[in-house]
PDB file of N, CA and C in Angstrom:
ATOM      1  N   MET A   1       0.842  -1.175   0.000  1.00  0.00           N
ATOM      2  CA  MET A   1       0.000   0.000   0.000  1.00  0.00           C
ATOM      3  C   MET A   1       0.888   1.239   0.000  1.00  0.00           C
ATOM      4  N   ALA A   2       0.653   2.122  -0.927  1.00  0.00           N
ATOM      5  CA  ALA A   2       1.447   3.344  -1.032  1.00  0.00           C
ATOM      6  C   ALA A   2       1.016   4.347   0.036  1.00  0.00           C
ATOM      7  N   CYS A   3       1.929   5.238   0.354  1.00  0.00           N
ATOM      8  CA  CYS A   3       1.699   6.243   1.391  1.00  0.00           C
ATOM      9  C   CYS A   3       1.898   7.628   0.795  1.00  0.00           C
ATOM     10  N   ASP A   4       1.141   8.578   1.265  1.00  0.00           N
ATOM     11  CA  ASP A   4       1.309   9.974   0.854  1.00  0.00           C
ATOM     12  C   ASP A   4       2.614  10.480   1.467  1.00  0.00           C
ATOM     13  N   MET A   5       3.588  10.784   0.642  1.00  0.00           N
ATOM     14  CA  MET A   5       4.905  11.184   1.130  1.00  0.00           C
ATOM     15  C   MET A   5       4.917  12.587   1.730  1.00  0.00           C
ATOM     16  N   ARG A   6       3.803  13.300   1.687  1.00  0.00           N
ATOM     17  CA  ARG A   6       3.729  14.600   2.361  1.00  0.00           C
ATOM     18  C   ARG A   6       3.534  14.443   3.856  1.00  0.00           C
ATOM     19  N   ARG A   7       3.205  13.237   4.294  1.00  0.00           N
ATOM     20  CA  ARG A   7       3.002  12.994   5.725  1.00  0.00           C
ATOM     21  C   ARG A   7       4.308  13.160   6.482  1.00  0.00           C
ATOM     22  N   GLY A   8       4.176  13.688   7.681  1.00  0.00           N
ATOM     23  CA  GLY A   8       5.330  13.870   8.544  1.00  0.00           C
ATOM     24  C   GLY A   8       5.268  12.927   9.733  1.00  0.00           C
ATOM     25  N   PHE A   9       5.909  13.322  10.810  1.00  0.00           N
ATOM     26  CA  PHE A   9       6.000  12.488  12.009  1.00  0.00           C
ATOM     27  C   PHE A   9       4.636  11.999  12.491  1.00  0.00           C
ATOM     28  N   ASP A  10       3.711  12.916  12.718  1.00  0.00           N
ATOM     29  CA  ASP A  10       2.420  12.551  13.310  1.00  0.00           C
ATOM     30  C   ASP A  10       1.568  11.701  12.372  1.00  0.00           C
ATOM     31  N   GLY A  11       1.536  12.037  11.093  1.00  0.00           N
ATOM     32  CA  GLY A  11       0.750  11.263  10.145  1.00  0.00           C
ATOM     33  C   GLY A  11       1.277   9.848   9.979  1.00  0.00           C
ATOM     34  N   LEU A  12       2.591   9.700   9.903  1.00  0.00           N
ATOM     35  CA  LEU A  12       3.184   8.374   9.767  1.00  0.00           C
ATOM     36  C   LEU A  12       3.041   7.567  11.052  1.00  0.00           C
ATOM     37  N   LYS A  13       3.160   8.236  12.189  1.00  0.00           N
ATOM     38  CA  LYS A  13       2.969   7.556  13.483  1.00  0.00           C
ATOM     39  C   LYS A  13       1.548   7.009  13.593  1.00  0.00           C
ATOM     40  N   MET A  14       0.582   7.781  13.127  1.00  0.00           N
ATOM     41  CA  MET A  14      -0.811   7.343  13.140  1.00  0.00           C
ATOM     42  C   MET A  14      -0.995   6.120  12.235  1.00  0.00           C
ATOM     43  N   LEU A  15      -0.387   6.132  11.059  1.00  0.00           N
ATOM     44  CA  LEU A  15      -0.481   4.977  10.163  1.00  0.00           C
ATOM     45  C   LEU A  15       0.137   3.739  10.807  1.00  0.00           C
ATOM     46  N   ALA A  16       1.269   3.919  11.452  1.00  0.00           N
ATOM     47  CA  ALA A  16       1.934   2.787  12.107  1.00  0.00           C
ATOM     48  C   ALA A  16       1.031   2.173  13.169  1.00  0.00           C
ATOM     49  N   ALA A  17       0.364   3.011  13.934  1.00  0.00           N
ATOM     50  CA  ALA A  17      -0.484   2.513  15.020  1.00  0.00           C
ATOM     51  C   ALA A  17      -1.781   1.890  14.505  1.00  0.00           C
ATOM     52  N   THR A  18      -2.417   2.514  13.510  1.00  0.00           N
ATOM     53  CA  THR A  18      -3.731   2.043  13.078  1.00  0.00           C
ATOM     54  C   THR A  18      -3.674   0.980  11.984  1.00  0.00           C
ATOM     55  N   VAL A  19      -2.825   1.161  10.990  1.00  0.00           N
ATOM     56  CA  VAL A  19      -2.782   0.218   9.868  1.00  0.00           C
ATOM     57  C   VAL A  19      -1.966  -1.023  10.221  1.00  0.00           C
ATOM     58  N   VAL A  20      -0.777  -0.821  10.763  1.00  0.00           N
ATOM     59  CA  VAL A  20       0.081  -1.958  11.109  1.00  0.00           C
ATOM     60  C   VAL A  20      -0.375  -2.595  12.407  1.00  0.00           C
ATOM     61  N   GLY A  21      -0.888  -1.788  13.326  1.00  0.00           N
ATOM     62  CA  GLY A  21      -1.465  -2.322  14.556  1.00  0.00           C
ATOM     63  C   GLY A  21      -0.467  -2.659  15.641  1.00  0.00           C
ATOM     64  N   VAL A  22       0.655  -1.963  15.688  1.00  0.00           N
ATOM     65  CA  VAL A  22       1.631  -2.173  16.761  1.00  0.00           C
ATOM     66  C   VAL A  22       1.944  -0.839  17.419  1.00  0.00           C
ATOM     67  N   ASP A  23       2.524  -0.907  18.601  1.00  0.00           N
ATOM     68  CA  ASP A  23       2.921   0.301  19.315  1.00  0.00           C
ATOM     69  C   ASP A  23       4.083   0.951  18.571  1.00  0.00           C
ATOM     70  N   PRO A  24       3.935   2.175  18.081  1.00  0.00           N
ATOM     71  CA  PRO A  24       5.006   2.827  17.341  1.00  0.00           C
ATOM     72  C   PRO A  24       6.288   3.020  18.153  1.00  0.00           C
ATOM     73  N   ARG A  25       6.188   2.995  19.478  1.00  0.00           N
ATOM     74  CA  ARG A  25       7.380   3.171  20.316  1.00  0.00           C
ATOM     75  C   ARG A  25       8.019   1.845  20.706  1.00  0.00           C
ATOM     76  N   GLY A  26       7.609   0.771  20.067  1.00  0.00           N
ATOM     77  CA  GLY A  26       8.073  -0.563  20.429  1.00  0.00           C
ATOM     78  C   GLY A  26       9.424  -0.969  19.873  1.00  0.00           C
ATOM     79  N   GLY A  27      10.130  -0.086  19.202  1.00  0.00           N
ATOM     80  CA  GLY A  27      11.451  -0.414  18.691  1.00  0.00           C
ATOM     81  C   GLY A  27      11.485  -0.834  17.235  1.00  0.00           C
ATOM     82  N   HIS A  28      10.348  -0.812  16.565  1.00  0.00           N
ATOM     83  CA  HIS A  28      10.285  -1.187  15.154  1.00  0.00           C
ATOM     84  C   HIS A  28      10.663  -0.012  14.261  1.00  0.00           C
ATOM     85  N   LEU A  29      11.123  -0.324  13.068  1.00  0.00           N
ATOM     86  CA  LEU A  29      11.284   0.677  12.015  1.00  0.00           C
ATOM     87  C   LEU A  29      10.069   0.538  11.108  1.00  0.00           C
ATOM     88  N   PHE A  30       9.429   1.640  10.777  1.00  0.00           N
ATOM     89  CA  PHE A  30       8.262   1.627   9.912  1.00  0.00           C
ATOM     90  C   PHE A  30       8.664   2.197   8.565  1.00  0.00           C
ATOM     91  N   VAL A  31       8.542   1.378   7.528  1.00  0.00           N
ATOM     92  CA  VAL A  31       8.986   1.745   6.186  1.00  0.00           C
ATOM     93  C   VAL A  31       7.759   2.084   5.350  1.00  0.00           C
ATOM     94  N   PHE A  32       7.767   3.275   4.768  1.00  0.00           N
ATOM     95  CA  PHE A  32       6.669   3.748   3.942  1.00  0.00           C
ATOM     96  C   PHE A  32       7.204   4.057   2.551  1.00  0.00           C
ATOM     97  N   CYS A  33       6.441   3.690   1.524  1.00  0.00           N
ATOM     98  CA  CYS A  33       6.869   3.955   0.152  1.00  0.00           C
ATOM     99  C   CYS A  33       5.858   4.853  -0.552  1.00  0.00           C
ATOM    100  N   SER A  34       6.332   5.525  -1.596  1.00  0.00           N
ATOM    101  CA  SER A  34       5.453   6.364  -2.406  1.00  0.00           C
ATOM    102  C   SER A  34       4.731   5.515  -3.441  1.00  0.00           C
ATOM    103  N   ARG A  35       3.715   6.069  -4.050  1.00  0.00           N
ATOM    104  CA  ARG A  35       2.942   5.363  -5.069  1.00  0.00           C
ATOM    105  C   ARG A  35       3.835   4.946  -6.236  1.00  0.00           C
ATOM    106  N   ARG A  36       4.764   5.803  -6.643  1.00  0.00           N
ATOM    107  CA  ARG A  36       5.664   5.482  -7.759  1.00  0.00           C
ATOM    108  C   ARG A  36       6.841   4.613  -7.325  1.00  0.00           C
ATOM    109  N   ALA A  37       6.953   4.336  -6.036  1.00  0.00           N
ATOM    110  CA  ALA A  37       8.017   3.500  -5.461  1.00  0.00           C
ATOM    111  C   ALA A  37       9.409   4.071  -5.701  1.00  0.00           C
ATOM    112  N   ASP A  38       9.503   5.395  -5.815  1.00  0.00           N
ATOM    113  CA  ASP A  38      10.807   6.026  -5.973  1.00  0.00           C
ATOM    114  C   ASP A  38      11.235   6.781  -4.712  1.00  0.00           C
ATOM    115  N   ARG A  39      10.386   6.734  -3.691  1.00  0.00           N
ATOM    116  CA  ARG A  39      10.682   7.410  -2.427  1.00  0.00           C
ATOM    117  C   ARG A  39      10.370   6.475  -1.266  1.00  0.00           C
ATOM    118  N   VAL A  40      11.137   6.636  -0.218  1.00  0.00           N
ATOM    119  CA  VAL A  40      10.927   5.830   0.980  1.00  0.00           C
ATOM    120  C   VAL A  40      11.128   6.731   2.193  1.00  0.00           C
ATOM    121  N   LYS A  41      10.323   6.485   3.223  1.00  0.00           N
ATOM    122  CA  LYS A  41      10.497   7.139   4.520  1.00  0.00           C
ATOM    123  C   LYS A  41      10.516   6.043   5.569  1.00  0.00           C
ATOM    124  N   ILE A  42      11.396   6.208   6.542  1.00  0.00           N
ATOM    125  CA  ILE A  42      11.494   5.260   7.650  1.00  0.00           C
ATOM    126  C   ILE A  42      11.323   6.043   8.946  1.00  0.00           C
ATOM    127  N   LEU A  43      10.323   5.661   9.719  1.00  0.00           N
ATOM    128  CA  LEU A  43      10.006   6.312  10.992  1.00  0.00           C
ATOM    129  C   LEU A  43      10.357   5.375  12.125  1.00  0.00           C
ATOM    130  N   TYR A  44      10.982   5.904  13.176  1.00  0.00           N
ATOM    131  CA  TYR A  44      11.265   5.088  14.349  1.00  0.00           C
ATOM    132  C   TYR A  44      11.392   5.966  15.586  1.00  0.00           C
ATOM    133  N   TRP A  45      11.165   5.332  16.729  1.00  0.00           N
ATOM    134  CA  TRP A  45      11.292   5.989  18.029  1.00  0.00           C
ATOM    135  C   TRP A  45      12.731   5.815  18.487  1.00  0.00           C
ATOM    136  N   ASP A  46      13.404   6.918  18.799  1.00  0.00           N
ATOM    137  CA  ASP A  46      14.811   6.890  19.169  1.00  0.00           C
ATOM    138  C   ASP A  46      14.986   7.365  20.613  1.00  0.00           C
ATOM    139  N   ARG A  47      14.698   6.510  21.554  1.00  0.00           N
ATOM    140  CA  ARG A  47      14.825   6.730  22.996  1.00  0.00           C
ATOM    141  C   ARG A  47      14.032   7.900  23.547  1.00  0.00           C
ATOM    142  N   ASP A  48      14.180   9.102  22.982  1.00  0.00           N
ATOM    143  CA  ASP A  48      13.513  10.267  23.550  1.00  0.00           C
ATOM    144  C   ASP A  48      12.784  11.121  22.509  1.00  0.00           C
ATOM    145  N   GLY A  49      12.587  10.577  21.323  1.00  0.00           N
ATOM    146  CA  GLY A  49      11.877  11.324  20.288  1.00  0.00           C
ATOM    147  C   GLY A  49      11.804  10.546  18.991  1.00  0.00           C
ATOM    148  N   TRP A  50      11.007  11.068  18.076  1.00  0.00           N
ATOM    149  CA  TRP A  50      10.816  10.411  16.783  1.00  0.00           C
ATOM    150  C   TRP A  50      11.923  10.805  15.832  1.00  0.00           C
ATOM    151  N   ALA A  51      12.335   9.855  14.999  1.00  0.00           N
ATOM    152  CA  ALA A  51      13.318  10.114  13.948  1.00  0.00           C
ATOM    153  C   ALA A  51      12.695   9.710  12.620  1.00  0.00           C
ATOM    154  N   LEU A  52      12.964  10.479  11.591  1.00  0.00           N
ATOM    155  CA  LEU A  52      12.403  10.223  10.272  1.00  0.00           C
ATOM    156  C   LEU A  52      13.517  10.312   9.244  1.00  0.00           C
ATOM    157  N   TRP A  53      13.696   9.236   8.498  1.00  0.00           N
ATOM    158  CA  TRP A  53      14.714   9.156   7.455  1.00  0.00           C
ATOM    159  C   TRP A  53      14.000   9.092   6.123  1.00  0.00           C
ATOM    160  N   ALA A  54      14.466   9.845   5.147  1.00  0.00           N
ATOM    161  CA  ALA A  54      13.809   9.860   3.840  1.00  0.00           C
ATOM    162  C   ALA A  54      14.839   9.786   2.724  1.00  0.00           C
ATOM    163  N   LYS A  55      14.436   9.147   1.612  1.00  0.00           N
ATOM    164  CA  LYS A  55      15.302   9.076   0.443  1.00  0.00           C
ATOM    165  C   LYS A  55      14.445   9.103  -0.810  1.00  0.00           C
ATOM    166  N   ARG A  56      14.895   9.888  -1.809  1.00  0.00           N
ATOM    167  CA  ARG A  56      14.265   9.947  -3.124  1.00  0.00           C
ATOM    168  C   ARG A  56      15.285   9.507  -4.159  1.00  0.00           C
ATOM    169  N   LEU A  57      14.934   8.509  -4.937  1.00  0.00           N
ATOM    170  CA  LEU A  57      15.838   8.029  -5.979  1.00  0.00           C
ATOM    171  C   LEU A  57      15.815   8.985  -7.167  1.00  0.00           C
ATOM    172  N   GLU A  58      16.959   9.234  -7.753  1.00  0.00           N
ATOM    173  CA  GLU A  58      17.038  10.055  -8.958  1.00  0.00           C
ATOM    174  C   GLU A  58      16.654   9.246 -10.191  1.00  0.00           C
ATOM    175  N   ALA A  59      16.873   7.944 -10.147  1.00  0.00           N
ATOM    176  CA  ALA A  59      16.480   7.053 -11.245  1.00  0.00           C
ATOM    177  C   ALA A  59      16.120   5.705 -10.652  1.00  0.00           C
ATOM    178  N   GLY A  60      15.157   5.026 -11.250  1.00  0.00           N
ATOM    179  CA  GLY A  60      14.778   3.699 -10.789  1.00  0.00           C
ATOM    180  C   GLY A  60      13.733   3.738  -9.694  1.00  0.00           C
ATOM    181  N   THR A  61      13.409   2.542  -9.191  1.00  0.00           N
ATOM    182  CA  THR A  61      12.402   2.406  -8.146  1.00  0.00           C
ATOM    183  C   THR A  61      12.843   1.349  -7.141  1.00  0.00           C
ATOM    184  N   TYR A  62      12.183   1.350  -6.003  1.00  0.00           N
ATOM    185  CA  TYR A  62      12.367   0.306  -5.000  1.00  0.00           C
ATOM    186  C   TYR A  62      11.407  -0.833  -5.321  1.00  0.00           C
ATOM    187  N   ALA A  63      11.796  -2.048  -5.002  1.00  0.00           N
ATOM    188  CA  ALA A  63      10.925  -3.217  -5.188  1.00  0.00           C
ATOM    189  C   ALA A  63      10.413  -3.619  -3.812  1.00  0.00           C
ATOM    190  N   PHE A  64       9.281  -3.055  -3.408  1.00  0.00           N
ATOM    191  CA  PHE A  64       8.741  -3.322  -2.084  1.00  0.00           C
ATOM    192  C   PHE A  64       8.056  -4.679  -2.046  1.00  0.00           C
ATOM    193  N   PRO A  65       8.428  -5.538  -1.087  1.00  0.00           N
ATOM    194  CA  PRO A  65       7.858  -6.878  -1.012  1.00  0.00           C
ATOM    195  C   PRO A  65       6.467  -6.905  -0.400  1.00  0.00           C
ATOM    196  N   PHE A  66       6.061  -5.838   0.272  1.00  0.00           N
ATOM    197  CA  PHE A  66       4.758  -5.827   0.901  1.00  0.00           C
ATOM    198  C   PHE A  66       3.743  -5.256  -0.073  1.00  0.00           C
ATOM    199  N   GLY A  67       2.514  -5.343   0.275  1.00  0.00           N
ATOM    200  CA  GLY A  67       1.454  -4.835  -0.592  1.00  0.00           C
ATOM    201  C   GLY A  67       0.652  -5.984  -1.149  1.00  0.00           C
ATOM    202  N   ALA A  68       1.078  -6.522  -2.274  1.00  0.00           N
ATOM    203  CA  ALA A  68       0.327  -7.598  -2.928  1.00  0.00           C
ATOM    204  C   ALA A  68       0.280  -8.854  -2.064  1.00  0.00           C
ATOM    205  N   THR A  69       1.371  -9.130  -1.335  1.00  0.00           N
ATOM    206  CA  THR A  69       1.412 -10.335  -0.512  1.00  0.00           C
ATOM    207  C   THR A  69       0.809 -10.123   0.862  1.00  0.00           C
ATOM    208  N   GLY A  70       0.605  -8.873   1.268  1.00  0.00           N
ATOM    209  CA  GLY A  70       0.092  -8.597   2.593  1.00  0.00           C
ATOM    210  C   GLY A  70       1.153  -8.699   3.672  1.00  0.00           C
ATOM    211  N   ARG A  71       2.389  -8.872   3.276  1.00  0.00           N
ATOM    212  CA  ARG A  71       3.490  -9.009   4.230  1.00  0.00           C
ATOM    213  C   ARG A  71       3.755  -7.676   4.909  1.00  0.00           C
ATOM    214  N   LYS A  72       3.962  -7.723   6.215  1.00  0.00           N
ATOM    215  CA  LYS A  72       4.165  -6.494   6.971  1.00  0.00           C
ATOM    216  C   LYS A  72       5.534  -6.400   7.620  1.00  0.00           C
ATOM    217  N   GLU A  73       6.261  -7.498   7.721  1.00  0.00           N
ATOM    218  CA  GLU A  73       7.537  -7.494   8.431  1.00  0.00           C
ATOM    219  C   GLU A  73       8.665  -7.965   7.543  1.00  0.00           C
ATOM    220  N   ILE A  74       9.808  -7.275   7.651  1.00  0.00           N
ATOM    221  CA  ILE A  74      11.026  -7.735   6.992  1.00  0.00           C
ATOM    222  C   ILE A  74      12.156  -7.646   8.002  1.00  0.00           C
ATOM    223  N   THR A  75      13.224  -8.373   7.750  1.00  0.00           N
ATOM    224  CA  THR A  75      14.370  -8.350   8.650  1.00  0.00           C
ATOM    225  C   THR A  75      15.249  -7.144   8.338  1.00  0.00           C
ATOM    226  N   ALA A  76      16.203  -6.878   9.220  1.00  0.00           N
ATOM    227  CA  ALA A  76      17.150  -5.782   8.995  1.00  0.00           C
ATOM    228  C   ALA A  76      17.955  -6.030   7.720  1.00  0.00           C
ATOM    229  N   GLY A  77      18.331  -7.278   7.480  1.00  0.00           N
ATOM    230  CA  GLY A  77      19.071  -7.615   6.267  1.00  0.00           C
ATOM    231  C   GLY A  77      18.254  -7.374   5.014  1.00  0.00           C
ATOM    232  N   GLU A  78      16.963  -7.729   5.076  1.00  0.00           N
ATOM    233  CA  GLU A  78      16.078  -7.501   3.934  1.00  0.00           C
ATOM    234  C   GLU A  78      15.879  -6.012   3.679  1.00  0.00           C
ATOM    235  N   LEU A  79      15.814  -5.215   4.751  1.00  0.00           N
ATOM    236  CA  LEU A  79      15.692  -3.770   4.589  1.00  0.00           C
ATOM    237  C   LEU A  79      16.933  -3.217   3.895  1.00  0.00           C
ATOM    238  N   GLY A  80      18.104  -3.674   4.312  1.00  0.00           N
ATOM    239  CA  GLY A  80      19.341  -3.232   3.667  1.00  0.00           C
ATOM    240  C   GLY A  80      19.352  -3.592   2.192  1.00  0.00           C
ATOM    241  N   ALA A  81      18.935  -4.803   1.860  1.00  0.00           N
ATOM    242  CA  ALA A  81      18.885  -5.240   0.466  1.00  0.00           C
ATOM    243  C   ALA A  81      17.886  -4.398  -0.324  1.00  0.00           C
ATOM    244  N   LEU A  82      16.723  -4.143   0.249  1.00  0.00           N
ATOM    245  CA  LEU A  82      15.707  -3.324  -0.407  1.00  0.00           C
ATOM    246  C   LEU A  82      16.254  -1.941  -0.729  1.00  0.00           C
ATOM    247  N   LEU A  83      16.942  -1.330   0.237  1.00  0.00           N
ATOM    248  CA  LEU A  83      17.490   0.011   0.025  1.00  0.00           C
ATOM    249  C   LEU A  83      18.628   0.012  -0.993  1.00  0.00           C
ATOM    250  N   GLU A  84      19.280  -1.130  -1.187  1.00  0.00           N
ATOM    251  CA  GLU A  84      20.350  -1.259  -2.180  1.00  0.00           C
ATOM    252  C   GLU A  84      19.812  -1.568  -3.572  1.00  0.00           C
ATOM    253  N   GLY A  85      18.507  -1.795  -3.691  1.00  0.00           N
ATOM    254  CA  GLY A  85      17.910  -2.031  -4.994  1.00  0.00           C
ATOM    255  C   GLY A  85      17.678  -3.482  -5.347  1.00  0.00           C
ATOM    256  N   ILE A  86      17.766  -4.372  -4.382  1.00  0.00           N
ATOM    257  CA  ILE A  86      17.562  -5.799  -4.631  1.00  0.00           C
ATOM    258  C   ILE A  86      16.078  -6.118  -4.508  1.00  0.00           C
ATOM    259  N   ASP A  87      15.553  -6.868  -5.481  1.00  0.00           N
ATOM    260  CA  ASP A  87      14.149  -7.269  -5.474  1.00  0.00           C
ATOM    261  C   ASP A  87      14.021  -8.508  -4.593  1.00  0.00           C
ATOM    262  N   LEU A  88      13.394  -8.365  -3.449  1.00  0.00           N
ATOM    263  CA  LEU A  88      13.274  -9.466  -2.489  1.00  0.00           C
ATOM    264  C   LEU A  88      12.354 -10.579  -2.976  1.00  0.00           C
ATOM    265  N   LYS A  89      11.492 -10.286  -3.938  1.00  0.00           N
ATOM    266  CA  LYS A  89      10.597 -11.323  -4.461  1.00  0.00           C
ATOM    267  C   LYS A  89      11.353 -12.367  -5.281  1.00  0.00           C
ATOM    268  N   THR A  90      12.431 -11.954  -5.925  1.00  0.00           N
ATOM    269  CA  THR A  90      13.192 -12.885  -6.754  1.00  0.00           C
ATOM    270  C   THR A  90      14.442 -13.406  -6.060  1.00  0.00           C
ATOM    271  N   ALA A  91      14.815 -12.805  -4.940  1.00  0.00           N
ATOM    272  CA  ALA A  91      15.997 -13.265  -4.199  1.00  0.00           C
ATOM    273  C   ALA A  91      15.664 -14.566  -3.476  1.00  0.00           C
ATOM    274  N   LYS A  92      16.627 -15.460  -3.419  1.00  0.00           N
ATOM    275  CA  LYS A  92      16.420 -16.738  -2.739  1.00  0.00           C
ATOM    276  C   LYS A  92      17.209 -16.757  -1.435  1.00  0.00           C
ATOM    277  N   ARG A  93      16.561 -17.243  -0.400  1.00  0.00           N
ATOM    278  CA  ARG A  93      17.215 -17.383   0.900  1.00  0.00           C
ATOM    279  C   ARG A  93      17.830 -18.776   0.973  1.00  0.00           C
ATOM    280  N   ARG A  94      19.103 -18.821   1.332  1.00  0.00           N
ATOM    281  CA  ARG A  94      19.804 -20.089   1.481  1.00  0.00           C
ATOM    282  C   ARG A  94      19.401 -20.732   2.805  1.00  0.00           C
ATOM    283  N   LYS A  95      19.468 -22.045   2.849  1.00  0.00           N
ATOM    284  CA  LYS A  95      19.098 -22.788   4.048  1.00  0.00           C
ATOM    285  C   LYS A  95      20.028 -22.420   5.203  1.00  0.00           C
ATOM    286  N   ARG A  96      19.465 -22.219   6.366  1.00  0.00           N
ATOM    287  CA  ARG A  96      20.209 -21.904   7.592  1.00  0.00           C
ATOM    288  C   ARG A  96      19.602 -22.690   8.747  1.00  0.00           C
ATOM    289  N   TYR A  97      20.407 -22.923   9.774  1.00  0.00           N
ATOM    290  CA  TYR A  97      19.942 -23.581  10.983  1.00  0.00           C
ATOM    291  C   TYR A  97      19.067 -22.615  11.767  1.00  0.00           C
ATOM    292  N   LEU A  98      17.952 -23.097  12.243  1.00  0.00           N
ATOM    293  CA  LEU A  98      17.067 -22.337  13.120  1.00  0.00           C
ATOM    294  C   LEU A  98      16.941 -23.074  14.436  1.00  0.00           C
ATOM    295  N   ALA A  99      17.362 -22.455  15.507  1.00  0.00           N
ATOM    296  CA  ALA A  99      17.260 -23.075  16.822  1.00  0.00           C
ATOM    297  C   ALA A  99      15.787 -23.211  17.198  1.00  0.00           C
ATOM    298  N   PRO A 100      15.425 -24.341  17.836  1.00  0.00           N
ATOM    299  CA  PRO A 100      14.025 -24.487  18.267  1.00  0.00           C
ATOM    300  C   PRO A 100      13.697 -23.440  19.324  1.00  0.00           C
ATOM    301  N   LEU A 101      12.465 -22.976  19.294  1.00  0.00           N
ATOM    302  CA  LEU A 101      12.026 -21.986  20.269  1.00  0.00           C
ATOM    303  C   LEU A 101      11.980 -22.587  21.656  1.00  0.00           C
ATOM    304  N   GLN A 102      12.454 -21.846  22.644  1.00  0.00           N
ATOM    305  CA  GLN A 102      12.403 -22.327  24.021  1.00  0.00           C
ATOM    306  C   GLN A 102      10.992 -22.078  24.549  1.00  0.00           C
ATOM    307  N   ARG A 103      10.461 -23.064  25.176  1.00  0.00           N
ATOM    308  CA  ARG A 103       9.109 -22.953  25.713  1.00  0.00           C
ATOM    309  C   ARG A 103       9.125 -22.279  27.073  1.00  0.00           C
ATOM    310  N   ALA A 104       8.170 -21.415  27.279  1.00  0.00           N
ATOM    311  CA  ALA A 104       8.037 -20.734  28.588  1.00  0.00           C
ATOM    312  C   ALA A 104       7.525 -21.726  29.610  1.00  0.00           C
ATOM    313  N   SER A 105       8.037 -21.634  30.811  1.00  0.00           N
ATOM    314  CA  SER A 105       7.616 -22.567  31.869  1.00  0.00           C
ATOM    315  C   SER A 105       6.262 -22.208  32.395  1.00  0.00           C
TER     316      SER A 105
END
């Protein structure tokens, strides 16, 4: 889903809380893209205030993995790849060991 890039701190914070449905101060980075996918804004809570990072590409577009798939979460590595111009839909993840989850007593 594209976002109006004219939104600032308060508008993006509201989207994070209502659309994504998580506490905006919970330590997450919220990534917003423009309709043309040539702009990105990242909103996050930085200990004592909001921080907003923005980038506009001079050529090309970002390949956002969310939207059509309904996916809402990506890893830090996937965010780095996205910002570098890698299409996460066509990238393949190599097999890795996953430790079993520890059960709460």
